[in-house]
Amino acid sequence: MIYSLRSAWQTPCALGEFHEVNGAWQSAMLVYGPWDTGQEHTRITTWRDLPGQEFHPDALPLTQASPPQDIQVRIDDRLTPATLRRDPETWELWTAIDEHKILLTGRGPLGDLTLAKLDDIVPVIAARRTRIENRRR
């Protein structure tokens, strides 16, 4: 299961990275906007802990010093508790639904953080291939 923004305010959206353990996806990251971390962007990492494997996504060091805000986000039409941290330029939001954990990180303003299951992975894989090809040129 991969979660995406229901209404993306940054484009394009591409598969950034993923981790596979014993033939099963453990985590996947979607990148909205540029891959350059110095520009406005949003990244969503969805993961689940597999037996004997513990995954920890990269968190933003600057936001870790910021006070946490307890908020709620909508995931698949369910209000879900979340923790938001912000500094002047970046932000991160931690949440979970069922067995899936979700980390959103970004630079720039917060947009609509409503999440939904990604129904079709083919377009985000194609966008990844296009970005990689463009970087090689």
Protein backbone atom coordinates (compact mmCIF):
# COMPACT_ATOMS: atom_id res chain seq x y z
CA MET A 1 0.00 0.00 0.00
CA ILE A 2 1.33 3.41 -0.98
CA TYR A 3 -0.34 6.63 0.09
CA SER A 4 -0.39 9.77 -2.03
CA LEU A 5 -1.79 13.28 -1.79
CA ARG A 6 -5.44 13.29 -2.77
CA SER A 7 -5.03 16.77 -4.31
CA ALA A 8 -1.42 17.43 -5.23
CA TRP A 9 -0.42 21.10 -5.15
CA GLN A 10 3.05 20.37 -6.51
CA THR A 11 3.89 18.46 -9.67
CA PRO A 12 5.13 16.22 -11.06
CA CYS A 13 4.73 13.20 -8.78
CA ALA A 14 7.31 10.43 -9.15
CA LEU A 15 8.44 7.35 -7.28
CA GLY A 16 11.51 8.54 -5.41
CA GLU A 17 12.76 5.34 -3.84
CA PHE A 18 11.52 2.05 -2.46
CA HIS A 19 12.82 -0.79 -0.32
CA GLU A 20 12.07 -4.44 -0.89
CA VAL A 21 12.55 -7.24 1.64
CA ASN A 22 12.16 -10.89 0.62
CA GLY A 23 10.20 -9.95 -2.49
CA ALA A 24 7.74 -7.64 -0.70
CA TRP A 25 7.77 -3.86 -0.70
CA GLN A 26 8.56 -2.54 2.75
CA SER A 27 8.56 1.16 1.91
CA ALA A 28 8.01 3.57 -0.95
CA MET A 29 8.55 7.32 -1.28
CA LEU A 30 6.63 9.59 -3.62
CA VAL A 31 8.22 12.93 -4.51
CA TYR A 32 6.01 15.87 -5.49
CA GLY A 33 7.79 18.73 -7.20
CA PRO A 34 11.53 18.81 -7.89
CA TRP A 35 13.98 16.27 -6.50
CA ASP A 36 16.22 19.19 -5.46
CA THR A 37 15.70 19.44 -1.70
CA GLY A 38 16.45 23.18 -1.78
CA GLN A 39 13.24 23.88 -3.74
CA GLU A 40 9.61 23.60 -2.66
CA HIS A 41 8.61 19.94 -2.59
CA THR A 42 6.65 17.32 -0.68
CA ARG A 43 7.72 13.72 -0.05
CA ILE A 44 5.53 10.95 1.27
CA THR A 45 7.10 7.77 2.62
CA THR A 46 4.74 4.88 3.34
CA TRP A 47 6.07 1.78 5.07
CA ARG A 48 5.15 -1.19 7.15
CA ASP A 49 7.31 -3.10 9.55
CA LEU A 50 7.94 -6.64 8.32
CA PRO A 51 8.80 -9.46 10.72
CA GLY A 52 12.45 -9.13 11.67
CA GLN A 53 12.87 -5.89 9.73
CA GLU A 54 12.58 -2.40 11.16
CA PHE A 55 12.50 0.55 8.77
CA HIS A 56 13.26 4.14 9.80
CA PRO A 57 12.81 6.83 7.14
CA ASP A 58 15.04 9.88 7.09
CA ALA A 59 13.62 12.68 9.22
CA LEU A 60 14.51 16.34 8.91
CA PRO A 61 17.08 17.26 11.57
CA LEU A 62 15.96 20.90 11.85
CA THR A 63 12.33 20.08 12.54
CA GLN A 64 13.25 17.65 15.33
CA ALA A 65 14.05 20.66 17.53
CA SER A 66 10.62 22.18 16.83
CA PRO A 67 7.73 21.62 19.23
CA PRO A 68 5.28 18.97 18.02
CA GLN A 69 1.69 19.87 17.15
CA ASP A 70 -0.96 17.18 17.53
CA ILE A 71 -3.33 17.44 14.56
CA GLN A 72 -5.61 15.21 12.52
CA VAL A 73 -5.29 14.38 8.83
CA ARG A 74 -7.77 12.69 6.57
CA ILE A 75 -6.59 9.34 5.15
CA ASP A 76 -9.03 7.43 2.97
CA ASP A 77 -11.90 9.44 4.47
CA ARG A 78 -10.84 8.63 8.06
CA LEU A 79 -9.63 11.33 10.44
CA THR A 80 -6.31 10.09 11.76
CA PRO A 81 -4.09 11.50 14.54
CA ALA A 82 -0.78 12.97 13.36
CA THR A 83 2.18 14.91 14.69
CA LEU A 84 3.37 17.97 12.80
CA ARG A 85 6.70 19.74 13.33
CA ARG A 86 7.78 22.89 11.49
CA ASP A 87 10.75 25.17 11.26
CA PRO A 88 10.84 28.34 9.13
CA GLU A 89 11.56 26.48 5.87
CA THR A 90 10.67 22.80 6.29
CA TRP A 91 8.01 20.65 7.89
CA GLU A 92 7.31 17.00 8.66
CA LEU A 93 4.22 15.07 9.61
CA TRP A 94 4.12 11.57 11.15
CA THR A 95 0.97 9.44 11.12
CA ALA A 96 -0.18 5.84 10.76
CA ILE A 97 -3.22 3.97 9.51
CA ASP A 98 -3.75 0.29 10.16
CA GLU A 99 -0.32 -1.38 9.74
CA HIS A 100 1.04 1.41 7.52
CA LYS A 101 3.17 4.26 8.82
CA ILE A 102 3.43 7.50 6.88
CA LEU A 103 5.95 10.33 6.96
CA LEU A 104 5.34 13.49 4.96
CA THR A 105 8.20 15.96 4.67
CA GLY A 106 8.40 19.16 2.72
CA ARG A 107 9.88 22.53 2.01
CA GLY A 108 7.58 25.47 1.53
CA PRO A 109 3.97 26.01 2.55
CA LEU A 110 1.70 23.23 3.72
CA GLY A 111 -0.94 22.36 1.19
CA ASP A 112 -3.88 20.00 1.56
CA LEU A 113 -2.51 17.01 3.47
CA THR A 114 -5.45 14.72 2.70
CA LEU A 115 -4.11 11.30 1.72
CA ALA A 116 -5.50 8.46 -0.36
CA LYS A 117 -4.27 5.07 -1.50
CA LEU A 118 -2.31 5.24 -4.74
CA ASP A 119 -4.47 3.30 -7.19
CA ASP A 120 -2.05 3.12 -10.11
CA ILE A 121 1.71 2.98 -9.63
CA VAL A 122 2.53 2.91 -13.36
CA PRO A 123 2.44 6.73 -13.85
CA VAL A 124 4.76 7.41 -10.87
CA ILE A 125 7.24 4.78 -12.10
CA ALA A 126 7.14 6.34 -15.59
CA ALA A 127 7.75 9.78 -14.05
CA ARG A 128 10.74 8.34 -12.16
CA ARG A 129 12.21 6.92 -15.38
CA THR A 130 11.74 10.27 -17.12
CA ARG A 131 13.47 12.15 -14.28
CA ILE A 132 16.39 9.73 -14.26
CA GLU A 133 16.78 10.01 -18.03
CA ASN A 134 16.68 13.81 -17.87
CA ARG A 135 19.35 13.85 -15.13
CA ARG A 136 21.65 11.70 -17.28
CA ARG A 137 21.58 14.21 -20.13
